[in-house]
Amino acid sequence: MSKTTLLLRTLLSSALVLFPALLCAADIHLAVASNFSATMNSLAKQFEANSSHRLVLSFGSTGKQYAQIVNGAPFDAFFAADSERPHLLEKEGRTTGQGRFTYARGRLVLWSALPGFVDELGGVLENGDFRHLAIANPRLAPYGAAARQALERLGLWQSLQPRLVRGENIGQTFQFVRSGNAELGFVAKSQLIGADLADSGSYWPVPVFLHDPIDQQVAQLTDSEAVRTFLAFVQSAMGRQIISEHGYDLPDAD
């Protein structure tokens, strides 16, 4: 064996000892509900600062992302805005059969970018002078489904039909209201916090008894050390703190 070959083998062995994490680094492809975008970006920043793995994020409506996964989209995990789609994927045999858990409970708010426009009891829905009320598409977005339930239980769903503006997802719905194209709309509380708008405009926290719980679950679609490590981070004390700081209620810790 030549001295050059011996030297190369020695250097390679040293690299294996000193930098094992680099050799195991992986890209983790995640489908993420639009309402969770700011929170996931914060989680990704903290996770990547302490890991060799990298998150590749794709944001969209839960309904559309479910359809993409069914049609073969190569995601490693799906952070949905409901529990229905992750459960369906598990029943259909499209998950690893493990790693499904509730990572956050969403809060629905009625928000306007206009100060004083939304009163503290949400009476503006029945008495307010507005042209457009934005909601996410109830068929595709869990926050839209919750908004429809709230309006139905208030007895306003039918009467407000002419004024409804539907966003494809809760992200688009939020932009309708933020831009002023709709005077008010049902959005996620986490969006206001993520955009630093919790203290601007006016909003009404929709009482939880007006809609089914927005339990947001993750479905693990592939199995690898990288994916398991990230899901464990989401459930860790640090992960839960980040989620809470972004305006979500937390499920009970295991």
C-alpha atoms as a PDB file:
ATOM      1  CA  MET A   1       0.000   0.000   0.000  1.00  0.00           C
ATOM      2  CA  SER A   2       1.425   3.379  -0.983  1.00  0.00           C
ATOM      3  CA  LYS A   3       1.988   6.137   1.530  1.00  0.00           C
ATOM      4  CA  THR A   4      -0.551   8.291  -0.362  1.00  0.00           C
ATOM      5  CA  THR A   5      -3.262   5.633  -0.143  1.00  0.00           C
ATOM      6  CA  LEU A   6      -2.523   5.070   3.534  1.00  0.00           C
ATOM      7  CA  LEU A   7      -2.754   8.804   4.186  1.00  0.00           C
ATOM      8  CA  LEU A   8      -6.106   9.075   2.389  1.00  0.00           C
ATOM      9  CA  ARG A   9      -7.537   6.153   4.356  1.00  0.00           C
ATOM     10  CA  THR A  10      -6.338   7.692   7.617  1.00  0.00           C
ATOM     11  CA  LEU A  11      -7.945  11.029   6.759  1.00  0.00           C
ATOM     12  CA  LEU A  12     -11.212   9.326   5.802  1.00  0.00           C
ATOM     13  CA  SER A  13     -11.287   7.343   9.043  1.00  0.00           C
ATOM     14  CA  SER A  14     -10.715  10.539  11.007  1.00  0.00           C
ATOM     15  CA  ALA A  15     -13.556  12.250   9.165  1.00  0.00           C
ATOM     16  CA  LEU A  16     -15.907   9.392   9.987  1.00  0.00           C
ATOM     17  CA  VAL A  17     -15.062   9.734  13.670  1.00  0.00           C
ATOM     18  CA  LEU A  18     -15.143  13.525  13.825  1.00  0.00           C
ATOM     19  CA  PHE A  19     -18.098  14.289  11.563  1.00  0.00           C
ATOM     20  CA  PRO A  20     -20.624  11.421  11.709  1.00  0.00           C
ATOM     21  CA  ALA A  21     -23.551  13.811  11.831  1.00  0.00           C
ATOM     22  CA  LEU A  22     -22.591  15.325   8.476  1.00  0.00           C
ATOM     23  CA  LEU A  23     -22.648  11.903   6.833  1.00  0.00           C
ATOM     24  CA  CYS A  24     -26.158  11.280   8.210  1.00  0.00           C
ATOM     25  CA  ALA A  25     -27.544  14.715   7.319  1.00  0.00           C
ATOM     26  CA  ALA A  26     -30.827  14.527   5.435  1.00  0.00           C
ATOM     27  CA  ASP A  27     -33.465  16.748   3.879  1.00  0.00           C
ATOM     28  CA  ILE A  28     -36.861  16.323   5.533  1.00  0.00           C
ATOM     29  CA  HIS A  29     -39.746  17.184   3.212  1.00  0.00           C
ATOM     30  CA  LEU A  30     -42.803  18.480   5.054  1.00  0.00           C
ATOM     31  CA  ALA A  31     -46.313  19.369   3.884  1.00  0.00           C
ATOM     32  CA  VAL A  32     -47.571  22.048   6.283  1.00  0.00           C
ATOM     33  CA  ALA A  33     -50.985  23.676   6.729  1.00  0.00           C
ATOM     34  CA  SER A  34     -50.983  27.379   5.814  1.00  0.00           C
ATOM     35  CA  ASN A  35     -51.999  28.535   9.290  1.00  0.00           C
ATOM     36  CA  PHE A  36     -48.873  26.924  10.738  1.00  0.00           C
ATOM     37  CA  SER A  37     -46.385  28.593   8.377  1.00  0.00           C
ATOM     38  CA  ALA A  38     -44.892  31.169  10.765  1.00  0.00           C
ATOM     39  CA  THR A  39     -44.738  28.625  13.583  1.00  0.00           C
ATOM     40  CA  MET A  40     -43.088  25.998  11.392  1.00  0.00           C
ATOM     41  CA  ASN A  41     -40.513  28.521  10.197  1.00  0.00           C
ATOM     42  CA  SER A  42     -39.648  29.226  13.837  1.00  0.00           C
ATOM     43  CA  LEU A  43     -39.450  25.512  14.622  1.00  0.00           C
ATOM     44  CA  ALA A  44     -37.257  24.948  11.564  1.00  0.00           C
ATOM     45  CA  LYS A  45     -34.862  27.729  12.538  1.00  0.00           C
ATOM     46  CA  GLN A  46     -34.372  26.296  16.027  1.00  0.00           C
ATOM     47  CA  PHE A  47     -34.164  22.688  14.845  1.00  0.00           C
ATOM     48  CA  GLU A  48     -31.648  23.372  12.087  1.00  0.00           C
ATOM     49  CA  ALA A  49     -29.477  25.400  14.468  1.00  0.00           C
ATOM     50  CA  ASN A  50     -29.000  22.247  16.541  1.00  0.00           C
ATOM     51  CA  SER A  51     -29.116  19.544  13.873  1.00  0.00           C
ATOM     52  CA  SER A  52     -27.375  18.591  10.645  1.00  0.00           C
ATOM     53  CA  HIS A  53     -30.759  17.903   9.036  1.00  0.00           C
ATOM     54  CA  ARG A  54     -32.557  20.435   6.824  1.00  0.00           C
ATOM     55  CA  LEU A  55     -36.299  21.004   6.508  1.00  0.00           C
ATOM     56  CA  VAL A  56     -37.855  21.509   3.070  1.00  0.00           C
ATOM     57  CA  LEU A  57     -41.238  23.141   3.638  1.00  0.00           C
ATOM     58  CA  SER A  58     -44.315  23.220   1.419  1.00  0.00           C
ATOM     59  CA  PHE A  59     -47.298  25.259   2.648  1.00  0.00           C
ATOM     60  CA  GLY A  60     -50.904  24.971   1.472  1.00  0.00           C
ATOM     61  CA  SER A  61     -54.449  24.000   2.320  1.00  0.00           C
ATOM     62  CA  THR A  62     -54.858  20.737   4.181  1.00  0.00           C
ATOM     63  CA  GLY A  63     -57.332  19.411   1.626  1.00  0.00           C
ATOM     64  CA  LYS A  64     -55.050  20.063  -1.338  1.00  0.00           C
ATOM     65  CA  GLN A  65     -51.997  18.660   0.405  1.00  0.00           C
ATOM     66  CA  TYR A  66     -53.910  15.526   1.319  1.00  0.00           C
ATOM     67  CA  ALA A  67     -54.782  15.085  -2.357  1.00  0.00           C
ATOM     68  CA  GLN A  68     -51.132  15.600  -3.334  1.00  0.00           C
ATOM     69  CA  ILE A  69     -50.016  12.904  -0.893  1.00  0.00           C
ATOM     70  CA  VAL A  70     -52.657  10.479  -2.166  1.00  0.00           C
ATOM     71  CA  ASN A  71     -51.333  11.133  -5.667  1.00  0.00           C
ATOM     72  CA  GLY A  72     -47.760  10.324  -4.677  1.00  0.00           C
ATOM     73  CA  ALA A  73     -46.201  13.617  -3.550  1.00  0.00           C
ATOM     74  CA  PRO A  74     -42.918  12.674  -1.814  1.00  0.00           C
ATOM     75  CA  PHE A  75     -43.410  14.170   1.648  1.00  0.00           C
ATOM     76  CA  ASP A  76     -41.898  12.684   4.794  1.00  0.00           C
ATOM     77  CA  ALA A  77     -44.538  14.094   7.155  1.00  0.00           C
ATOM     78  CA  PHE A  78     -47.801  15.995   6.883  1.00  0.00           C
ATOM     79  CA  PHE A  79     -48.630  18.736   9.401  1.00  0.00           C
ATOM     80  CA  ALA A  80     -52.368  19.063   8.780  1.00  0.00           C
ATOM     81  CA  ALA A  81     -54.781  21.622  10.175  1.00  0.00           C
ATOM     82  CA  ASP A  82     -57.154  18.873  11.270  1.00  0.00           C
ATOM     83  CA  SER A  83     -57.153  15.309  12.561  1.00  0.00           C
ATOM     84  CA  GLU A  84     -59.353  13.905   9.794  1.00  0.00           C
ATOM     85  CA  ARG A  85     -56.799  13.777   6.964  1.00  0.00           C
ATOM     86  CA  PRO A  86     -53.947  12.238   8.989  1.00  0.00           C
ATOM     87  CA  HIS A  87     -56.411   9.607  10.231  1.00  0.00           C
ATOM     88  CA  LEU A  88     -57.535   8.911   6.658  1.00  0.00           C
ATOM     89  CA  LEU A  89     -53.947   8.537   5.471  1.00  0.00           C
ATOM     90  CA  GLU A  90     -53.303   6.074   8.266  1.00  0.00           C
ATOM     91  CA  LYS A  91     -56.431   4.053   7.392  1.00  0.00           C
ATOM     92  CA  GLU A  92     -55.381   4.036   3.736  1.00  0.00           C
ATOM     93  CA  GLY A  93     -51.976   2.620   4.638  1.00  0.00           C
ATOM     94  CA  ARG A  94     -50.083   5.702   3.477  1.00  0.00           C
ATOM     95  CA  THR A  95     -48.293   6.325   6.789  1.00  0.00           C
ATOM     96  CA  THR A  96     -45.743   4.458   8.841  1.00  0.00           C
ATOM     97  CA  GLY A  97     -48.464   3.520  11.312  1.00  0.00           C
ATOM     98  CA  GLN A  98     -46.708   5.515  14.011  1.00  0.00           C
ATOM     99  CA  GLY A  99     -45.928   9.135  14.721  1.00  0.00           C
ATOM    100  CA  ARG A 100     -49.501  10.480  14.401  1.00  0.00           C
ATOM    101  CA  PHE A 101     -50.213  12.939  17.187  1.00  0.00           C
ATOM    102  CA  THR A 102     -51.909  16.268  17.882  1.00  0.00           C
ATOM    103  CA  TYR A 103     -49.222  18.921  17.779  1.00  0.00           C
ATOM    104  CA  ALA A 104     -51.439  21.999  18.297  1.00  0.00           C
ATOM    105  CA  ARG A 105     -55.013  23.141  18.851  1.00  0.00           C
ATOM    106  CA  GLY A 106     -55.947  26.090  16.685  1.00  0.00           C
ATOM    107  CA  ARG A 107     -57.911  29.150  17.747  1.00  0.00           C
ATOM    108  CA  LEU A 108     -60.300  30.848  15.346  1.00  0.00           C
ATOM    109  CA  VAL A 109     -60.755  34.621  15.490  1.00  0.00           C
ATOM    110  CA  LEU A 110     -62.891  37.120  13.615  1.00  0.00           C
ATOM    111  CA  TRP A 111     -60.464  39.865  12.605  1.00  0.00           C
ATOM    112  CA  SER A 112     -60.482  43.212  10.863  1.00  0.00           C
ATOM    113  CA  ALA A 113     -57.495  45.365  10.017  1.00  0.00           C
ATOM    114  CA  LEU A 114     -59.674  48.336  11.015  1.00  0.00           C
ATOM    115  CA  PRO A 115     -59.408  49.385  14.690  1.00  0.00           C
ATOM    116  CA  GLY A 116     -62.734  49.194  16.512  1.00  0.00           C
ATOM    117  CA  PHE A 117     -64.532  47.494  13.620  1.00  0.00           C
ATOM    118  CA  VAL A 118     -64.996  44.123  15.350  1.00  0.00           C
ATOM    119  CA  ASP A 119     -66.663  44.371  18.752  1.00  0.00           C
ATOM    120  CA  GLU A 120     -65.801  42.167  21.715  1.00  0.00           C
ATOM    121  CA  LEU A 121     -68.908  39.989  21.279  1.00  0.00           C
ATOM    122  CA  GLY A 122     -68.782  39.543  17.500  1.00  0.00           C
ATOM    123  CA  GLY A 123     -72.023  41.467  17.039  1.00  0.00           C
ATOM    124  CA  VAL A 124     -70.617  43.029  13.864  1.00  0.00           C
ATOM    125  CA  LEU A 125     -71.542  39.820  12.017  1.00  0.00           C
ATOM    126  CA  GLU A 126     -75.246  40.518  12.487  1.00  0.00           C
ATOM    127  CA  ASN A 127     -75.316  44.280  12.833  1.00  0.00           C
ATOM    128  CA  GLY A 128     -72.218  45.541  11.043  1.00  0.00           C
ATOM    129  CA  ASP A 129     -72.081  47.507   7.824  1.00  0.00           C
ATOM    130  CA  PHE A 130     -69.630  45.516   5.717  1.00  0.00           C
ATOM    131  CA  ARG A 131     -69.534  44.273   2.136  1.00  0.00           C
ATOM    132  CA  HIS A 132     -67.205  41.274   2.405  1.00  0.00           C
ATOM    133  CA  LEU A 133     -66.559  38.605   5.020  1.00  0.00           C
ATOM    134  CA  ALA A 134     -63.581  36.353   4.226  1.00  0.00           C
ATOM    135  CA  ILE A 135     -63.451  32.677   5.142  1.00  0.00           C
ATOM    136  CA  ALA A 136     -61.256  29.826   3.970  1.00  0.00           C
ATOM    137  CA  ASN A 137     -62.880  27.261   1.698  1.00  0.00           C
ATOM    138  CA  PRO A 138     -64.745  24.963   4.145  1.00  0.00           C
ATOM    139  CA  ARG A 139     -64.218  21.942   1.866  1.00  0.00           C
ATOM    140  CA  LEU A 140     -60.432  22.305   1.820  1.00  0.00           C
ATOM    141  CA  ALA A 141     -59.431  24.196   4.956  1.00  0.00           C
ATOM    142  CA  PRO A 142     -60.289  23.131   8.530  1.00  0.00           C
ATOM    143  CA  TYR A 143     -60.366  26.750   9.687  1.00  0.00           C
ATOM    144  CA  GLY A 144     -62.921  27.412   6.967  1.00  0.00           C
ATOM    145  CA  ALA A 145     -64.989  24.452   8.172  1.00  0.00           C
ATOM    146  CA  ALA A 146     -64.833  25.861  11.717  1.00  0.00           C
ATOM    147  CA  ALA A 147     -65.893  29.292  10.459  1.00  0.00           C
ATOM    148  CA  ARG A 148     -68.897  27.766   8.692  1.00  0.00           C
ATOM    149  CA  GLN A 149     -69.874  25.862  11.856  1.00  0.00           C
ATOM    150  CA  ALA A 150     -69.669  29.069  13.886  1.00  0.00           C
ATOM    151  CA  LEU A 151     -71.869  30.958  11.442  1.00  0.00           C
ATOM    152  CA  GLU A 152     -74.358  28.092  11.313  1.00  0.00           C
ATOM    153  CA  ARG A 153     -74.595  27.935  15.099  1.00  0.00           C
ATOM    154  CA  LEU A 154     -75.098  31.704  15.181  1.00  0.00           C
ATOM    155  CA  GLY A 155     -77.870  31.323  12.597  1.00  0.00           C
ATOM    156  CA  LEU A 156     -76.044  33.557  10.097  1.00  0.00           C
ATOM    157  CA  TRP A 157     -74.680  31.153   7.481  1.00  0.00           C
ATOM    158  CA  GLN A 158     -77.490  31.590   4.952  1.00  0.00           C
ATOM    159  CA  SER A 159     -78.048  35.320   5.424  1.00  0.00           C
ATOM    160  CA  LEU A 160     -74.344  36.132   4.955  1.00  0.00           C
ATOM    161  CA  GLN A 161     -73.869  34.074   1.781  1.00  0.00           C
ATOM    162  CA  PRO A 162     -73.915  37.120  -0.553  1.00  0.00           C
ATOM    163  CA  ARG A 163     -71.078  38.721   1.415  1.00  0.00           C
ATOM    164  CA  LEU A 164     -68.756  35.724   1.730  1.00  0.00           C
ATOM    165  CA  VAL A 165     -65.369  35.775   0.011  1.00  0.00           C
ATOM    166  CA  ARG A 166     -63.678  32.378   0.033  1.00  0.00           C
ATOM    167  CA  GLY A 167     -59.928  31.947   0.191  1.00  0.00           C
ATOM    168  CA  GLU A 168     -58.345  28.754  -1.086  1.00  0.00           C
ATOM    169  CA  ASN A 169     -56.677  28.391   2.300  1.00  0.00           C
ATOM    170  CA  ILE A 170     -56.393  30.307   5.545  1.00  0.00           C
ATOM    171  CA  GLY A 171     -53.259  32.086   4.266  1.00  0.00           C
ATOM    172  CA  GLN A 172     -55.131  33.595   1.327  1.00  0.00           C
ATOM    173  CA  THR A 173     -58.064  34.432   3.592  1.00  0.00           C
ATOM    174  CA  PHE A 174     -55.731  36.319   5.915  1.00  0.00           C
ATOM    175  CA  GLN A 175     -54.391  38.343   2.972  1.00  0.00           C
ATOM    176  CA  PHE A 176     -57.936  39.280   1.908  1.00  0.00           C
ATOM    177  CA  VAL A 177     -58.488  40.919   5.288  1.00  0.00           C
ATOM    178  CA  ARG A 178     -54.989  42.338   5.691  1.00  0.00           C
ATOM    179  CA  SER A 179     -55.150  44.039   2.286  1.00  0.00           C
ATOM    180  CA  GLY A 180     -58.591  45.495   2.956  1.00  0.00           C
ATOM    181  CA  ASN A 181     -60.283  43.565   0.145  1.00  0.00           C
ATOM    182  CA  ALA A 182     -62.534  42.203   2.881  1.00  0.00           C
ATOM    183  CA  GLU A 183     -63.428  44.338   5.881  1.00  0.00           C
ATOM    184  CA  LEU A 184     -63.275  41.338   8.186  1.00  0.00           C
ATOM    185  CA  GLY A 185     -62.746  37.602   8.117  1.00  0.00           C
ATOM    186  CA  PHE A 186     -62.244  34.407  10.078  1.00  0.00           C
ATOM    187  CA  VAL A 187     -58.519  33.724  10.477  1.00  0.00           C
ATOM    188  CA  ALA A 188     -56.216  31.843  12.812  1.00  0.00           C
ATOM    189  CA  LYS A 189     -55.056  33.598  15.963  1.00  0.00           C
ATOM    190  CA  SER A 190     -51.549  32.325  15.179  1.00  0.00           C
ATOM    191  CA  GLN A 191     -51.533  34.371  11.967  1.00  0.00           C
ATOM    192  CA  LEU A 192     -52.023  37.612  13.879  1.00  0.00           C
ATOM    193  CA  ILE A 193     -49.176  36.748  16.234  1.00  0.00           C
ATOM    194  CA  GLY A 194     -46.912  35.569  13.417  1.00  0.00           C
ATOM    195  CA  ALA A 195     -47.461  38.805  11.492  1.00  0.00           C
ATOM    196  CA  ASP A 196     -47.121  41.008  14.604  1.00  0.00           C
ATOM    197  CA  LEU A 197     -50.728  42.162  14.230  1.00  0.00           C
ATOM    198  CA  ALA A 198     -52.203  40.897  17.501  1.00  0.00           C
ATOM    199  CA  ASP A 199     -52.337  44.477  18.832  1.00  0.00           C
ATOM    200  CA  SER A 200     -53.548  46.157  15.643  1.00  0.00           C
ATOM    201  CA  GLY A 201     -56.963  46.244  14.063  1.00  0.00           C
ATOM    202  CA  SER A 202     -59.711  44.557  16.071  1.00  0.00           C
ATOM    203  CA  TYR A 203     -60.729  40.966  16.653  1.00  0.00           C
ATOM    204  CA  TRP A 204     -63.139  38.658  18.443  1.00  0.00           C
ATOM    205  CA  PRO A 205     -61.894  35.296  19.731  1.00  0.00           C
ATOM    206  CA  VAL A 206     -64.585  32.885  18.514  1.00  0.00           C
ATOM    207  CA  PRO A 207     -65.846  30.843  21.497  1.00  0.00           C
ATOM    208  CA  VAL A 208     -64.753  27.240  21.199  1.00  0.00           C
ATOM    209  CA  PHE A 209     -68.314  25.977  21.737  1.00  0.00           C
ATOM    210  CA  LEU A 210     -69.312  27.455  18.366  1.00  0.00           C
ATOM    211  CA  HIS A 211     -67.235  24.958  16.381  1.00  0.00           C
ATOM    212  CA  ASP A 212     -65.595  21.560  16.676  1.00  0.00           C
ATOM    213  CA  PRO A 213     -62.073  21.576  18.151  1.00  0.00           C
ATOM    214  CA  ILE A 214     -59.370  22.393  15.606  1.00  0.00           C
ATOM    215  CA  ASP A 215     -57.033  19.578  16.566  1.00  0.00           C
ATOM    216  CA  GLN A 216     -54.054  19.774  14.233  1.00  0.00           C
ATOM    217  CA  GLN A 217     -52.315  16.432  13.738  1.00  0.00           C
ATOM    218  CA  VAL A 218     -49.163  15.274  12.014  1.00  0.00           C
ATOM    219  CA  ALA A 219     -48.940  12.099   9.954  1.00  0.00           C
ATOM    220  CA  GLN A 220     -45.534  10.418   9.559  1.00  0.00           C
ATOM    221  CA  LEU A 221     -45.306   9.247   5.961  1.00  0.00           C
ATOM    222  CA  THR A 222     -41.776   7.824   5.855  1.00  0.00           C
ATOM    223  CA  ASP A 223     -39.521   6.353   8.496  1.00  0.00           C
ATOM    224  CA  SER A 224     -35.991   7.592   9.055  1.00  0.00           C
ATOM    225  CA  GLU A 225     -33.815   8.791  11.895  1.00  0.00           C
ATOM    226  CA  ALA A 226     -34.120  12.339  10.570  1.00  0.00           C
ATOM    227  CA  VAL A 227     -37.926  12.360  10.533  1.00  0.00           C
ATOM    228  CA  ARG A 228     -38.150  10.763  13.983  1.00  0.00           C
ATOM    229  CA  THR A 229     -35.691  13.311  15.353  1.00  0.00           C
ATOM    230  CA  PHE A 230     -37.730  16.248  14.076  1.00  0.00           C
ATOM    231  CA  LEU A 231     -41.048  14.880  15.335  1.00  0.00           C
ATOM    232  CA  ALA A 232     -39.453  14.330  18.749  1.00  0.00           C
ATOM    233  CA  PHE A 233     -38.285  17.952  18.686  1.00  0.00           C
ATOM    234  CA  VAL A 234     -41.825  19.173  17.959  1.00  0.00           C
ATOM    235  CA  GLN A 235     -43.009  17.304  21.071  1.00  0.00           C
ATOM    236  CA  SER A 236     -40.136  18.500  23.235  1.00  0.00           C
ATOM    237  CA  ALA A 237     -40.433  21.290  25.797  1.00  0.00           C
ATOM    238  CA  MET A 238     -38.730  23.717  23.406  1.00  0.00           C
ATOM    239  CA  GLY A 239     -40.983  22.736  20.493  1.00  0.00           C
ATOM    240  CA  ARG A 240     -44.133  23.069  22.584  1.00  0.00           C
ATOM    241  CA  GLN A 241     -43.014  26.473  23.854  1.00  0.00           C
ATOM    242  CA  ILE A 242     -42.553  27.755  20.300  1.00  0.00           C
ATOM    243  CA  ILE A 243     -45.997  26.456  19.314  1.00  0.00           C
ATOM    244  CA  SER A 244     -47.621  28.055  22.369  1.00  0.00           C
ATOM    245  CA  GLU A 245     -45.907  31.397  21.768  1.00  0.00           C
ATOM    246  CA  HIS A 246     -47.451  31.479  18.302  1.00  0.00           C
ATOM    247  CA  GLY A 247     -51.000  31.448  19.641  1.00  0.00           C
ATOM    248  CA  TYR A 248     -51.947  27.773  19.768  1.00  0.00           C
ATOM    249  CA  ASP A 249     -53.362  25.792  22.638  1.00  0.00           C
ATOM    250  CA  LEU A 250     -51.283  22.738  23.489  1.00  0.00           C
ATOM    251  CA  PRO A 251     -52.447  19.140  23.775  1.00  0.00           C
ATOM    252  CA  ASP A 252     -51.649  17.371  27.015  1.00  0.00           C
ATOM    253  CA  ALA A 253     -48.056  16.176  27.138  1.00  0.00           C
ATOM    254  CA  ASP A 254     -47.566  12.412  27.037  1.00  0.00           C
END
